[in-house]
Amino acid sequence: MPQTITCVQLHSHEWARLRDIRLRALLDSPHAFGGTYENESNFDQSQWHIEFAKQTFLVASIDGMDGAMMYVENLEGDFGATCWIGGCWSDPDFRGMGLMKSMFAYVDKHAPTRDWLVQGLGVWTDNNAAIAAYEKLGFVVMGGPQPSTRQPGKFYQRMIRKTVSA
């Protein structure tokens, strides 16, 4: 049966859609994020709207079912990064189907007009599967491990990727 992958940018009126997939991510992979389900499940509508003011949220779906998410935040970062990628997650039932690849294709398509030409991200140093997945998408390790301010005692690794169109 054919599967159609779509990737869209969410807007603030879609806050409940973002909340639902973000909370799924935090329940499934609490070890992968700086945020916690306990904290973010208590966000009200106004707090979700604040998140939209800070970041661009992308969701990838297969046949209309949301299966992956990430955000892009414009900034001037280390190693020339013009934006920071965060909150990357894909539902275990959809892993390996190209959802993350579709979201980075969306980033690449919009990079010249959104100033997303050089993407940076941080990944926990012990998350080897995620590091390998990011390397497949073109990210390279930059610098040494950095201490987390959100989870004291944990370290993250910075990775950088130049958009395909750059």
Foldseek 3Di string as FASTA:
>chain_A
DDKDKDKDWDALVCLVVVLVVLLVQQVVCVVWDLDHNVVSVPDDSVNSNVVRVFWIKMFMDIPPHTFWIKIWGADQDPPRFRIEIDDTDGHPVCPPVCRVVNVLVVCLVCCVVVVGQKYKYKTWPPPVVVVVVVVVVAKDWDDDWDADPSDGPTTITMIMHGRPVD
